[in-house]
């Protein structure tokens, strides 16, 4: 969706990208909001989360070392970057195969570390809390957040099955998921810039 309007455009805390992701959203009533906020903000560590954290730490260390090598040997650094990209591609393919996302709908979104906007089949009340689960299709990672509805406007020039433009601001998300999301948006933006320069 090339011309999707941006949301909350007066704020620029995070880079925004247009992307295609898997989205699952559900309304939350006041009774369960506090429980869901606690569960999302302080997730119980799992083997998967620990493995992902270790993978991210190794990636950061490797990137730092490759940057140092590139100062004296650009060809070796280039080969190491290609090898790292290959390993990342394999890792994201394995992650994607482990995730069960068949029941989620692929959605064109405007996405940042602070929120998300997309066309929705359902209308949500302004300022109401929702829980949203997103699979970042590029990496295969899932993130979960509590978000507040900024606006949910019915548009005249949208598909009949998704007449509402839903804008959400993330209010609660684990630090791990926020880092994944920011890293994803930066990676996708860099990819778009590389394609534009070709």
C-alpha atoms as a PDB file:
ATOM      1  CA  UNK A   1       0.000   0.000   0.000  1.00  0.00           C
ATOM      2  CA  UNK A   2       2.154   2.796  -1.321  1.00  0.00           C
ATOM      3  CA  UNK A   3       0.016   5.805  -0.427  1.00  0.00           C
ATOM      4  CA  UNK A   4      -1.171   4.809   3.025  1.00  0.00           C
ATOM      5  CA  UNK A   5      -1.447   7.970   5.137  1.00  0.00           C
ATOM      6  CA  UNK A   6       0.783   8.217   8.154  1.00  0.00           C
ATOM      7  CA  UNK A   7      -0.657   8.289  11.646  1.00  0.00           C
ATOM      8  CA  UNK A   8       0.004  10.668  14.506  1.00  0.00           C
ATOM      9  CA  UNK A   9       2.158  12.616  12.053  1.00  0.00           C
ATOM     10  CA  UNK A  10       3.059  15.388  14.501  1.00  0.00           C
ATOM     11  CA  UNK A  11       5.251  12.899  16.427  1.00  0.00           C
ATOM     12  CA  UNK A  12       8.496  11.571  15.002  1.00  0.00           C
ATOM     13  CA  UNK A  13      10.004   9.452  17.780  1.00  0.00           C
ATOM     14  CA  UNK A  14      10.479   6.454  15.491  1.00  0.00           C
ATOM     15  CA  UNK A  15      11.046   5.770  11.808  1.00  0.00           C
ATOM     16  CA  UNK A  16       7.862   4.830   9.978  1.00  0.00           C
ATOM     17  CA  UNK A  17       7.616   2.366   7.146  1.00  0.00           C
ATOM     18  CA  UNK A  18       4.934   0.895   4.946  1.00  0.00           C
ATOM     19  CA  UNK A  19       5.044  -2.872   5.308  1.00  0.00           C
ATOM     20  CA  UNK A  20       3.002  -6.046   4.976  1.00  0.00           C
ATOM     21  CA  UNK A  21       2.624  -8.036   8.192  1.00  0.00           C
ATOM     22  CA  UNK A  22       0.337 -10.555   9.872  1.00  0.00           C
ATOM     23  CA  UNK A  23      -1.998  -8.872  12.384  1.00  0.00           C
ATOM     24  CA  UNK A  24      -4.340 -10.191  15.058  1.00  0.00           C
ATOM     25  CA  UNK A  25      -6.244  -7.672  17.168  1.00  0.00           C
ATOM     26  CA  UNK A  26      -8.727  -7.990  20.011  1.00  0.00           C
ATOM     27  CA  UNK A  27     -10.576  -5.495  22.190  1.00  0.00           C
ATOM     28  CA  UNK A  28      -9.824  -5.549  25.929  1.00  0.00           C
ATOM     29  CA  UNK A  29     -12.311  -4.670  28.635  1.00  0.00           C
ATOM     30  CA  UNK A  30     -11.306  -2.709  31.730  1.00  0.00           C
ATOM     31  CA  UNK A  31     -11.216  -5.790  33.972  1.00  0.00           C
ATOM     32  CA  UNK A  32      -8.561  -7.627  31.997  1.00  0.00           C
ATOM     33  CA  UNK A  33      -6.519  -4.583  30.916  1.00  0.00           C
ATOM     34  CA  UNK A  34      -4.292  -4.489  34.009  1.00  0.00           C
ATOM     35  CA  UNK A  35      -3.630  -8.227  33.791  1.00  0.00           C
ATOM     36  CA  UNK A  36      -2.727  -8.045  30.075  1.00  0.00           C
ATOM     37  CA  UNK A  37      -0.484  -4.981  30.613  1.00  0.00           C
ATOM     38  CA  UNK A  38       1.469  -6.855  33.305  1.00  0.00           C
ATOM     39  CA  UNK A  39       1.763 -10.001  31.173  1.00  0.00           C
ATOM     40  CA  UNK A  40       2.978  -8.085  28.114  1.00  0.00           C
ATOM     41  CA  UNK A  41       5.296  -5.621  29.866  1.00  0.00           C
ATOM     42  CA  UNK A  42       7.002  -8.343  31.933  1.00  0.00           C
ATOM     43  CA  UNK A  43       6.845 -11.556  29.915  1.00  0.00           C
ATOM     44  CA  UNK A  44       7.963 -14.783  31.534  1.00  0.00           C
ATOM     45  CA  UNK A  45      11.252 -15.808  29.907  1.00  0.00           C
ATOM     46  CA  UNK A  46      10.968 -18.824  27.643  1.00  0.00           C
ATOM     47  CA  UNK A  47      13.579 -20.911  25.875  1.00  0.00           C
ATOM     48  CA  UNK A  48      12.533 -19.232  22.612  1.00  0.00           C
ATOM     49  CA  UNK A  49      12.950 -15.717  24.060  1.00  0.00           C
ATOM     50  CA  UNK A  50      16.355 -16.582  25.530  1.00  0.00           C
ATOM     51  CA  UNK A  51      17.534 -18.094  22.253  1.00  0.00           C
ATOM     52  CA  UNK A  52      16.323 -15.010  20.356  1.00  0.00           C
ATOM     53  CA  UNK A  53      18.105 -12.736  22.837  1.00  0.00           C
ATOM     54  CA  UNK A  54      21.348 -14.707  22.452  1.00  0.00           C
ATOM     55  CA  UNK A  55      20.979 -14.582  18.660  1.00  0.00           C
ATOM     56  CA  UNK A  56      20.508 -10.793  18.783  1.00  0.00           C
ATOM     57  CA  UNK A  57      23.554 -10.350  21.036  1.00  0.00           C
ATOM     58  CA  UNK A  58      25.706 -12.472  18.702  1.00  0.00           C
ATOM     59  CA  UNK A  59      24.484 -10.482  15.706  1.00  0.00           C
ATOM     60  CA  UNK A  60      25.391  -7.194  17.411  1.00  0.00           C
ATOM     61  CA  UNK A  61      28.863  -8.473  18.352  1.00  0.00           C
ATOM     62  CA  UNK A  62      29.489  -9.807  14.847  1.00  0.00           C
ATOM     63  CA  UNK A  63      28.397  -6.521  13.266  1.00  0.00           C
ATOM     64  CA  UNK A  64      30.825  -4.637  15.512  1.00  0.00           C
ATOM     65  CA  UNK A  65      33.715  -6.967  14.595  1.00  0.00           C
ATOM     66  CA  UNK A  66      32.930  -6.764  10.861  1.00  0.00           C
ATOM     67  CA  UNK A  67      32.947  -2.950  11.093  1.00  0.00           C
ATOM     68  CA  UNK A  68      36.415  -3.116  12.651  1.00  0.00           C
ATOM     69  CA  UNK A  69      37.686  -5.540   9.979  1.00  0.00           C
ATOM     70  CA  UNK A  70      36.341  -3.327   7.189  1.00  0.00           C
ATOM     71  CA  UNK A  71      38.765  -0.572   8.181  1.00  0.00           C
ATOM     72  CA  UNK A  72      41.718  -2.710   7.089  1.00  0.00           C
ATOM     73  CA  UNK A  73      40.243  -5.363   4.767  1.00  0.00           C
ATOM     74  CA  UNK A  74      37.065  -4.422   2.898  1.00  0.00           C
ATOM     75  CA  UNK A  75      36.795  -7.620   0.866  1.00  0.00           C
ATOM     76  CA  UNK A  76      36.928  -9.867   3.927  1.00  0.00           C
ATOM     77  CA  UNK A  77      34.388  -7.634   5.695  1.00  0.00           C
ATOM     78  CA  UNK A  78      32.100  -7.811   2.637  1.00  0.00           C
ATOM     79  CA  UNK A  79      32.354 -11.616   2.606  1.00  0.00           C
ATOM     80  CA  UNK A  80      31.545 -11.757   6.319  1.00  0.00           C
ATOM     81  CA  UNK A  81      28.511  -9.463   5.822  1.00  0.00           C
ATOM     82  CA  UNK A  82      27.230 -11.732   3.048  1.00  0.00           C
ATOM     83  CA  UNK A  83      27.729 -14.766   5.272  1.00  0.00           C
ATOM     84  CA  UNK A  84      25.903 -13.001   8.120  1.00  0.00           C
ATOM     85  CA  UNK A  85      22.989 -12.146   5.794  1.00  0.00           C
ATOM     86  CA  UNK A  86      22.837 -15.776   4.696  1.00  0.00           C
ATOM     87  CA  UNK A  87      22.717 -16.997   8.317  1.00  0.00           C
ATOM     88  CA  UNK A  88      20.033 -14.388   9.133  1.00  0.00           C
ATOM     89  CA  UNK A  89      17.970 -15.535   6.139  1.00  0.00           C
ATOM     90  CA  UNK A  90      18.186 -19.160   7.288  1.00  0.00           C
ATOM     91  CA  UNK A  91      17.300 -18.155  10.868  1.00  0.00           C
ATOM     92  CA  UNK A  92      14.258 -16.130   9.765  1.00  0.00           C
ATOM     93  CA  UNK A  93      13.084 -19.012   7.542  1.00  0.00           C
ATOM     94  CA  UNK A  94      13.316 -21.450  10.449  1.00  0.00           C
ATOM     95  CA  UNK A  95      11.565 -18.952  12.764  1.00  0.00           C
ATOM     96  CA  UNK A  96       8.814 -18.451  10.214  1.00  0.00           C
ATOM     97  CA  UNK A  97       8.273 -22.194   9.873  1.00  0.00           C
ATOM     98  CA  UNK A  98       7.955 -22.534  13.648  1.00  0.00           C
ATOM     99  CA  UNK A  99       5.375 -19.760  13.892  1.00  0.00           C
ATOM    100  CA  UNK A 100       1.795 -20.700  13.241  1.00  0.00           C
ATOM    101  CA  UNK A 101       0.530 -17.678  11.346  1.00  0.00           C
ATOM    102  CA  UNK A 102      -1.826 -19.330   8.872  1.00  0.00           C
ATOM    103  CA  UNK A 103      -4.865 -18.051  10.769  1.00  0.00           C
ATOM    104  CA  UNK A 104      -3.669 -14.433  10.657  1.00  0.00           C
ATOM    105  CA  UNK A 105      -4.488 -12.079   7.817  1.00  0.00           C
ATOM    106  CA  UNK A 106      -1.720 -10.370   5.882  1.00  0.00           C
ATOM    107  CA  UNK A 107      -2.265  -6.626   6.178  1.00  0.00           C
ATOM    108  CA  UNK A 108      -0.650  -3.578   4.586  1.00  0.00           C
ATOM    109  CA  UNK A 109       0.339  -1.283   7.448  1.00  0.00           C
ATOM    110  CA  UNK A 110       2.111   1.941   8.308  1.00  0.00           C
ATOM    111  CA  UNK A 111       4.374   0.852  11.162  1.00  0.00           C
ATOM    112  CA  UNK A 112       6.810   2.352  13.640  1.00  0.00           C
ATOM    113  CA  UNK A 113       8.156   1.637  17.105  1.00  0.00           C
ATOM    114  CA  UNK A 114       5.372   3.844  18.467  1.00  0.00           C
ATOM    115  CA  UNK A 115       2.298   2.579  16.658  1.00  0.00           C
ATOM    116  CA  UNK A 116       0.594   1.067  13.672  1.00  0.00           C
ATOM    117  CA  UNK A 117      -2.124   2.070  11.221  1.00  0.00           C
ATOM    118  CA  UNK A 118      -4.056  -0.108   8.790  1.00  0.00           C
ATOM    119  CA  UNK A 119      -7.413  -0.715   7.154  1.00  0.00           C
ATOM    120  CA  UNK A 120      -9.758  -2.694   9.396  1.00  0.00           C
ATOM    121  CA  UNK A 121     -12.985  -4.602   8.944  1.00  0.00           C
ATOM    122  CA  UNK A 122     -14.093  -3.611  12.445  1.00  0.00           C
ATOM    123  CA  UNK A 123     -14.752  -0.273  14.072  1.00  0.00           C
ATOM    124  CA  UNK A 124     -13.081   0.454  17.415  1.00  0.00           C
ATOM    125  CA  UNK A 125     -13.971   3.266  19.810  1.00  0.00           C
ATOM    126  CA  UNK A 126     -11.488   6.120  20.110  1.00  0.00           C
ATOM    127  CA  UNK A 127      -9.167   5.789  23.141  1.00  0.00           C
ATOM    128  CA  UNK A 128     -10.228   2.191  23.728  1.00  0.00           C
ATOM    129  CA  UNK A 129      -7.465  -0.315  24.561  1.00  0.00           C
ATOM    130  CA  UNK A 130      -6.750  -3.273  22.300  1.00  0.00           C
ATOM    131  CA  UNK A 131      -4.263  -6.102  22.317  1.00  0.00           C
ATOM    132  CA  UNK A 132      -2.407  -6.546  19.051  1.00  0.00           C
ATOM    133  CA  UNK A 133      -0.155  -9.374  17.926  1.00  0.00           C
ATOM    134  CA  UNK A 134       2.022  -8.792  14.865  1.00  0.00           C
ATOM    135  CA  UNK A 135       4.227 -11.161  12.930  1.00  0.00           C
ATOM    136  CA  UNK A 136       6.976  -9.186  11.252  1.00  0.00           C
ATOM    137  CA  UNK A 137       6.919 -11.015   7.949  1.00  0.00           C
ATOM    138  CA  UNK A 138      10.472 -10.007   7.014  1.00  0.00           C
ATOM    139  CA  UNK A 139      11.997 -11.607  10.127  1.00  0.00           C
ATOM    140  CA  UNK A 140       9.276 -14.025  11.250  1.00  0.00           C
ATOM    141  CA  UNK A 141       9.331 -12.566  14.781  1.00  0.00           C
ATOM    142  CA  UNK A 142       6.110 -12.043  16.736  1.00  0.00           C
ATOM    143  CA  UNK A 143       5.541  -8.996  18.903  1.00  0.00           C
ATOM    144  CA  UNK A 144       2.623  -8.369  21.241  1.00  0.00           C
ATOM    145  CA  UNK A 145       1.483  -5.003  22.564  1.00  0.00           C
ATOM    146  CA  UNK A 146      -1.328  -3.132  24.243  1.00  0.00           C
ATOM    147  CA  UNK A 147      -2.350  -0.147  22.148  1.00  0.00           C
ATOM    148  CA  UNK A 148      -4.809   2.719  22.405  1.00  0.00           C
ATOM    149  CA  UNK A 149      -7.061   3.629  19.497  1.00  0.00           C
ATOM    150  CA  UNK A 150      -6.116   7.093  18.236  1.00  0.00           C
ATOM    151  CA  UNK A 151      -8.816   7.060  15.577  1.00  0.00           C
ATOM    152  CA  UNK A 152     -10.924   4.646  13.578  1.00  0.00           C
ATOM    153  CA  UNK A 153     -12.390   6.529  10.640  1.00  0.00           C
ATOM    154  CA  UNK A 154     -14.623   5.178   7.920  1.00  0.00           C
ATOM    155  CA  UNK A 155     -13.182   6.029   4.516  1.00  0.00           C
ATOM    156  CA  UNK A 156     -15.051   6.159   1.232  1.00  0.00           C
ATOM    157  CA  UNK A 157     -12.266   4.973  -1.078  1.00  0.00           C
ATOM    158  CA  UNK A 158     -11.345   1.710   0.664  1.00  0.00           C
ATOM    159  CA  UNK A 159     -12.293  -1.903  -0.043  1.00  0.00           C
ATOM    160  CA  UNK A 160     -15.785  -2.776   1.149  1.00  0.00           C
ATOM    161  CA  UNK A 161     -14.490  -5.491   3.494  1.00  0.00           C
ATOM    162  CA  UNK A 162     -12.079  -3.079   5.282  1.00  0.00           C
ATOM    163  CA  UNK A 163     -13.813   0.317   5.404  1.00  0.00           C
ATOM    164  CA  UNK A 164     -12.118   1.699   8.555  1.00  0.00           C
ATOM    165  CA  UNK A 165      -8.682   3.258   8.855  1.00  0.00           C
ATOM    166  CA  UNK A 166      -7.503   2.234  12.321  1.00  0.00           C
ATOM    167  CA  UNK A 167      -4.647   4.140  13.986  1.00  0.00           C
ATOM    168  CA  UNK A 168      -3.119   2.709  17.147  1.00  0.00           C
ATOM    169  CA  UNK A 169      -0.442   4.012  19.532  1.00  0.00           C
ATOM    170  CA  UNK A 170       1.442   1.322  21.443  1.00  0.00           C
ATOM    171  CA  UNK A 171       1.090   1.941  25.181  1.00  0.00           C
ATOM    172  CA  UNK A 172       2.670  -1.238  26.615  1.00  0.00           C
ATOM    173  CA  UNK A 173       5.226  -3.565  25.073  1.00  0.00           C
ATOM    174  CA  UNK A 174       8.142  -5.532  26.437  1.00  0.00           C
ATOM    175  CA  UNK A 175      11.576  -4.005  25.905  1.00  0.00           C
ATOM    176  CA  UNK A 176      12.540  -7.091  23.888  1.00  0.00           C
ATOM    177  CA  UNK A 177       9.585  -6.664  21.511  1.00  0.00           C
ATOM    178  CA  UNK A 178      10.170  -2.904  21.199  1.00  0.00           C
ATOM    179  CA  UNK A 179      13.810  -3.555  20.233  1.00  0.00           C
ATOM    180  CA  UNK A 180      12.717  -6.161  17.669  1.00  0.00           C
ATOM    181  CA  UNK A 181      10.209  -3.720  16.192  1.00  0.00           C
ATOM    182  CA  UNK A 182      12.633  -0.790  15.981  1.00  0.00           C
ATOM    183  CA  UNK A 183      15.311  -3.033  14.475  1.00  0.00           C
ATOM    184  CA  UNK A 184      12.754  -4.320  11.938  1.00  0.00           C
ATOM    185  CA  UNK A 185      11.692  -0.822  10.844  1.00  0.00           C
ATOM    186  CA  UNK A 186      15.301   0.336  10.489  1.00  0.00           C
ATOM    187  CA  UNK A 187      16.190  -2.776   8.487  1.00  0.00           C
ATOM    188  CA  UNK A 188      13.209  -2.359   6.168  1.00  0.00           C
ATOM    189  CA  UNK A 189      13.964   1.333   5.682  1.00  0.00           C
ATOM    190  CA  UNK A 190      17.593   0.544   4.803  1.00  0.00           C
ATOM    191  CA  UNK A 191      16.391  -2.123   2.369  1.00  0.00           C
ATOM    192  CA  UNK A 192      14.027   0.375   0.707  1.00  0.00           C
ATOM    193  CA  UNK A 193      16.872   2.907   0.374  1.00  0.00           C
ATOM    194  CA  UNK A 194      19.152   0.280  -1.227  1.00  0.00           C
ATOM    195  CA  UNK A 195      16.433  -0.595  -3.747  1.00  0.00           C
ATOM    196  CA  UNK A 196      15.815   3.106  -4.514  1.00  0.00           C
ATOM    197  CA  UNK A 197      19.525   3.684  -5.173  1.00  0.00           C
ATOM    198  CA  UNK A 198      19.805   0.877  -7.738  1.00  0.00           C
END
